[in-house]
């Protein structure tokens, strides 16, 4: 579930808690499939003694640049998160210099860690990050007009734009007043402009509020300190089927688009 705002929040908080600059003393892997393609022993040997030079993000990928020149790429998938406190679903435990321990927890075990010589081996498959200058209005319009499929799966396609997921796509479409099943090549220039601005808006809002947590379950997104994201109060569509649209008071509806539960307003977002 973690999307661009949640991953950005985690990266920022790890930097703020001094993880950058620390040396990896040892690694304990409690769920071997998390590491790809190395075995836990190979991975531990490769990173032990290396310092974490920087922590950054592209799309939904967390990137730990190591002093070896390699980069640890982490994708949180559905329920991955980081903490400086021990928990009940810790899949990887990283002992750092200065007495600090980094815990990677993942209740659903879908997250993956990849140690690569060149991040572009992974990033080359992605479109531009949604909050960079490369994701421009011109680029966005051209991509949408050249693809003849529904707008929602187009926005979810990481090769088109990196970082968007189910929550923020539903939110952006609500703000732009666009039905999720509209063909992307049917959108007018005005609609494309509205949608482009809505994407930037909801992502920046999500970062400002340190991510979106929509429940209290163990699989829900948590910040590094264990707190829930605070963007829930700003959500207009996602997960709110049956409640009145905050714009027109029509009950929101839920359908399935591209195998994803999708909430929209049938009055504000006409097909």
Protein backbone atom coordinates (compact mmCIF):
# COMPACT_ATOMS: atom_id res chain seq x y z
CA UNK A 1 0.00 0.00 0.00
CA UNK A 2 2.79 2.56 0.65
CA UNK A 3 2.79 4.98 -2.28
CA UNK A 4 4.97 7.98 -3.03
CA UNK A 5 3.96 10.08 0.03
CA UNK A 6 4.43 7.19 2.43
CA UNK A 7 7.80 6.19 0.99
CA UNK A 8 8.96 9.82 0.98
CA UNK A 9 7.91 10.13 4.62
CA UNK A 10 9.87 7.03 5.61
CA UNK A 11 12.98 8.20 3.72
CA UNK A 12 12.80 11.63 5.35
CA UNK A 13 12.30 10.19 8.82
CA UNK A 14 15.18 7.73 8.46
CA UNK A 15 17.44 10.62 7.47
CA UNK A 16 16.11 12.69 10.35
CA UNK A 17 16.89 9.93 12.83
CA UNK A 18 20.51 9.73 11.79
CA UNK A 19 20.51 6.50 9.79
CA UNK A 20 22.52 8.19 7.03
CA UNK A 21 26.22 7.97 7.83
CA UNK A 22 25.85 4.88 10.00
CA UNK A 23 27.87 1.74 9.28
CA UNK A 24 26.11 -1.60 8.87
CA UNK A 25 27.62 -3.92 11.47
CA UNK A 26 25.48 -6.99 10.83
CA UNK A 27 22.24 -8.14 9.23
CA UNK A 28 19.82 -10.80 10.42
CA UNK A 29 17.33 -12.03 7.83
CA UNK A 30 14.23 -13.65 9.32
CA UNK A 31 12.39 -14.10 6.00
CA UNK A 32 14.77 -15.13 3.24
CA UNK A 33 12.50 -14.37 0.23
CA UNK A 34 12.69 -10.67 1.11
CA UNK A 35 16.23 -10.61 -0.31
CA UNK A 36 16.52 -10.89 -4.09
CA UNK A 37 18.44 -12.50 -5.72
CA UNK A 38 21.12 -13.11 -3.06
CA UNK A 39 20.89 -15.57 -0.21
CA UNK A 40 20.73 -14.07 3.30
CA UNK A 41 24.36 -15.05 3.91
CA UNK A 42 25.55 -13.52 0.63
CA UNK A 43 23.59 -10.34 1.30
CA UNK A 44 24.86 -9.99 4.86
CA UNK A 45 28.46 -10.40 3.75
CA UNK A 46 28.02 -7.87 0.94
CA UNK A 47 26.71 -5.07 3.14
CA UNK A 48 28.50 -5.68 6.46
CA UNK A 49 31.08 -2.98 7.13
CA UNK A 50 29.58 -0.61 4.57
CA UNK A 51 28.25 2.79 5.53
CA UNK A 52 24.91 4.19 4.40
CA UNK A 53 25.99 7.29 2.47
CA UNK A 54 22.51 8.53 1.56
CA UNK A 55 18.82 7.61 1.66
CA UNK A 56 16.58 8.72 -1.20
CA UNK A 57 13.44 7.76 -3.10
CA UNK A 58 12.30 7.35 -6.70
CA UNK A 59 8.66 6.44 -7.22
CA UNK A 60 7.86 3.80 -4.62
CA UNK A 61 11.49 2.66 -4.29
CA UNK A 62 13.59 3.49 -1.24
CA UNK A 63 17.29 3.70 -2.09
CA UNK A 64 20.17 3.28 0.35
CA UNK A 65 23.46 4.27 -1.32
CA UNK A 66 26.30 2.31 0.28
CA UNK A 67 29.99 3.15 0.56
CA UNK A 68 30.75 0.07 -1.59
CA UNK A 69 29.22 1.88 -4.56
CA UNK A 70 26.25 -0.46 -4.55
CA UNK A 71 22.69 0.59 -3.81
CA UNK A 72 20.17 -1.22 -1.66
CA UNK A 73 16.77 -0.85 -3.36
CA UNK A 74 13.76 -1.50 -1.13
CA UNK A 75 10.16 -1.83 -2.33
CA UNK A 76 7.68 -1.93 0.54
CA UNK A 77 4.87 -3.43 -1.57
CA UNK A 78 1.66 -3.91 0.46
CA UNK A 79 2.71 -3.62 4.09
CA UNK A 80 6.45 -3.05 4.47
CA UNK A 81 7.74 -0.44 6.91
CA UNK A 82 10.80 0.56 8.91
CA UNK A 83 11.16 1.14 12.63
CA UNK A 84 13.88 1.79 15.18
CA UNK A 85 11.95 -0.32 17.69
CA UNK A 86 11.61 -4.11 17.72
CA UNK A 87 8.26 -5.52 16.63
CA UNK A 88 6.46 -8.82 16.11
CA UNK A 89 6.81 -9.00 12.31
CA UNK A 90 10.45 -7.98 11.81
CA UNK A 91 11.72 -9.69 8.66
CA UNK A 92 15.17 -8.07 8.60
CA UNK A 93 17.18 -6.61 11.48
CA UNK A 94 20.11 -4.31 10.67
CA UNK A 95 22.59 -3.50 13.44
CA UNK A 96 24.15 -0.08 12.87
CA UNK A 97 27.06 1.75 14.40
CA UNK A 98 26.33 4.03 17.34
CA UNK A 99 24.07 1.47 18.99
CA UNK A 100 21.22 1.97 16.53
CA UNK A 101 19.13 -0.92 15.14
CA UNK A 102 16.92 -0.70 12.06
CA UNK A 103 13.97 -3.08 11.86
CA UNK A 104 12.19 -3.89 8.61
CA UNK A 105 8.74 -5.28 9.29
CA UNK A 106 6.30 -6.69 6.79
CA UNK A 107 3.18 -8.52 7.98
CA UNK A 108 2.32 -9.75 4.49
CA UNK A 109 5.89 -10.60 3.40
CA UNK A 110 5.55 -9.05 -0.07
CA UNK A 111 8.30 -6.42 0.24
CA UNK A 112 11.61 -6.96 -1.53
CA UNK A 113 15.24 -5.83 -1.05
CA UNK A 114 17.58 -5.80 -4.03
CA UNK A 115 21.31 -5.01 -3.86
CA UNK A 116 22.40 -3.62 -7.22
CA UNK A 117 25.54 -2.16 -8.76
CA UNK A 118 23.51 0.39 -10.72
CA UNK A 119 20.05 1.65 -9.65
CA UNK A 120 19.19 2.23 -13.32
CA UNK A 121 18.88 -1.52 -13.71
CA UNK A 122 15.57 -1.07 -11.89
CA UNK A 123 14.72 2.59 -12.47
CA UNK A 124 15.00 2.39 -16.27
CA UNK A 125 11.67 0.56 -16.33
CA UNK A 126 9.93 3.47 -14.60
CA UNK A 127 8.41 6.63 -15.96
CA UNK A 128 9.39 9.94 -14.37
CA UNK A 129 8.78 10.37 -10.66
CA UNK A 130 5.46 12.18 -10.19
CA UNK A 131 7.01 15.02 -8.19
CA UNK A 132 9.98 15.77 -10.42
CA UNK A 133 10.30 18.26 -13.26
CA UNK A 134 10.54 15.35 -15.70
CA UNK A 135 6.89 14.67 -15.00
CA UNK A 136 5.77 17.76 -16.87
CA UNK A 137 2.37 18.80 -18.17
CA UNK A 138 3.56 18.27 -21.74
CA UNK A 139 4.92 14.78 -21.01
CA UNK A 140 1.75 13.83 -19.15
CA UNK A 141 -0.57 15.01 -21.93
CA UNK A 142 1.38 13.13 -24.61
CA UNK A 143 1.39 9.91 -22.59
CA UNK A 144 -2.34 10.05 -21.89
CA UNK A 145 -3.28 10.83 -25.49
CA UNK A 146 -1.22 8.02 -26.95
CA UNK A 147 -2.72 5.29 -24.74
CA UNK A 148 -6.16 3.95 -25.54
CA UNK A 149 -7.17 2.51 -22.21
CA UNK A 150 -9.00 3.57 -19.07
CA UNK A 151 -7.46 6.46 -17.21
CA UNK A 152 -7.07 4.67 -13.87
CA UNK A 153 -4.84 1.77 -15.03
CA UNK A 154 -2.86 4.28 -17.10
CA UNK A 155 -2.09 6.30 -13.97
CA UNK A 156 -1.25 3.13 -12.02
CA UNK A 157 1.25 2.08 -14.72
CA UNK A 158 4.67 2.81 -13.21
CA UNK A 159 6.20 3.02 -16.69
CA UNK A 160 3.99 6.06 -17.32
CA UNK A 161 4.50 7.83 -14.00
CA UNK A 162 6.27 6.48 -10.93
CA UNK A 163 4.82 6.72 -7.46
CA UNK A 164 1.05 6.63 -7.87
CA UNK A 165 -1.06 3.85 -6.37
CA UNK A 166 -4.70 3.12 -5.67
CA UNK A 167 -5.26 5.73 -2.96
CA UNK A 168 -3.80 8.77 -4.68
CA UNK A 169 -5.16 7.88 -8.12
CA UNK A 170 -8.71 7.76 -6.74
CA UNK A 171 -8.09 11.04 -4.97
CA UNK A 172 -6.65 12.79 -8.02
CA UNK A 173 -9.51 11.61 -10.23
CA UNK A 174 -12.04 12.90 -7.69
CA UNK A 175 -10.41 16.32 -7.55
CA UNK A 176 -10.26 16.48 -11.35
CA UNK A 177 -13.87 15.28 -11.74
CA UNK A 178 -12.89 12.44 -14.08
CA UNK A 179 -14.49 9.00 -14.13
CA UNK A 180 -11.86 6.25 -13.60
CA UNK A 181 -13.09 4.34 -16.65
CA UNK A 182 -12.78 7.25 -19.09
CA UNK A 183 -10.35 6.49 -21.89
CA UNK A 184 -7.17 8.41 -21.35
CA UNK A 185 -7.14 9.56 -24.99
CA UNK A 186 -10.64 11.01 -24.62
CA UNK A 187 -9.62 13.67 -22.10
CA UNK A 188 -9.64 17.28 -23.27
CA UNK A 189 -6.67 19.56 -22.75
CA UNK A 190 -8.56 21.24 -19.90
CA UNK A 191 -9.28 17.90 -18.23
CA UNK A 192 -5.66 16.82 -18.62
CA UNK A 193 -4.52 20.05 -17.01
CA UNK A 194 -6.93 19.56 -14.11
CA UNK A 195 -5.80 15.98 -13.61
CA UNK A 196 -2.11 16.88 -13.78
CA UNK A 197 -2.55 19.54 -11.09
CA UNK A 198 -4.68 17.16 -9.00
CA UNK A 199 -1.94 14.52 -9.03
CA UNK A 200 0.63 17.00 -7.74
CA UNK A 201 -1.86 18.32 -5.16
CA UNK A 202 -2.79 15.00 -3.58
CA UNK A 203 0.81 13.77 -3.44
CA UNK A 204 2.13 16.95 -1.82
CA UNK A 205 -0.79 16.91 0.59
CA UNK A 206 0.00 13.29 1.48
CA UNK A 207 3.64 14.13 2.18
CA UNK A 208 2.68 17.15 4.29
CA UNK A 209 0.46 14.89 6.41
CA UNK A 210 3.10 12.13 6.60
CA UNK A 211 1.14 9.58 4.63
CA UNK A 212 -2.29 7.99 4.66
CA UNK A 213 -3.37 5.33 7.17
CA UNK A 214 -6.97 4.26 6.81
CA UNK A 215 -7.23 1.84 9.73
CA UNK A 216 -5.56 0.46 12.83
CA UNK A 217 -4.75 -3.04 11.57
CA UNK A 218 -1.26 -4.52 11.53
CA UNK A 219 -1.06 -4.25 7.73
CA UNK A 220 -1.78 -0.53 7.71
CA UNK A 221 0.91 2.00 6.92
CA UNK A 222 2.95 3.29 9.86
CA UNK A 223 5.59 5.99 10.12
CA UNK A 224 9.07 5.13 11.41
CA UNK A 225 8.01 5.98 14.98
CA UNK A 226 4.95 3.73 14.67
CA UNK A 227 2.39 6.52 14.34
CA UNK A 228 -0.33 6.41 11.69
CA UNK A 229 -0.18 8.75 8.73
CA UNK A 230 -2.28 11.88 9.27
CA UNK A 231 -3.73 12.29 5.76
CA UNK A 232 -6.90 10.30 6.50
CA UNK A 233 -8.90 13.43 7.21
CA UNK A 234 -8.08 14.81 3.76
CA UNK A 235 -9.24 11.74 1.81
CA UNK A 236 -12.23 12.58 -0.41
CA UNK A 237 -12.92 9.31 -2.26
CA UNK A 238 -10.72 6.30 -1.54
CA UNK A 239 -12.36 3.84 0.84
CA UNK A 240 -15.42 6.08 1.38
CA UNK A 241 -18.02 4.23 -0.69
CA UNK A 242 -21.56 4.98 0.49
CA UNK A 243 -20.68 8.26 2.17
CA UNK A 244 -21.81 11.61 0.71
CA UNK A 245 -19.46 13.26 -1.77
CA UNK A 246 -18.03 16.29 0.01
CA UNK A 247 -18.57 18.32 -3.17
CA UNK A 248 -22.13 17.46 -4.21
CA UNK A 249 -23.46 15.15 -1.43
CA UNK A 250 -24.21 12.28 -3.83
CA UNK A 251 -23.31 8.92 -2.23
CA UNK A 252 -19.94 7.71 -3.47
CA UNK A 253 -19.86 4.38 -5.31
CA UNK A 254 -17.32 1.59 -5.50
CA UNK A 255 -16.54 -0.41 -8.63
CA UNK A 256 -13.64 -2.57 -9.78
CA UNK A 257 -11.29 -1.05 -12.35
CA UNK A 258 -8.14 -2.87 -13.44
CA UNK A 259 -8.77 -5.38 -10.63
CA UNK A 260 -8.63 -2.57 -8.06
CA UNK A 261 -11.41 -1.39 -5.80
CA UNK A 262 -12.20 2.12 -7.04
CA UNK A 263 -14.34 4.77 -5.34
CA UNK A 264 -15.78 7.73 -7.25
CA UNK A 265 -18.71 10.14 -7.32
CA UNK A 266 -21.28 9.18 -9.99
CA UNK A 267 -22.46 12.80 -10.21
CA UNK A 268 -19.15 14.67 -10.22
CA UNK A 269 -17.25 12.05 -12.22
CA UNK A 270 -19.54 11.09 -15.08
CA UNK A 271 -18.46 8.49 -17.61
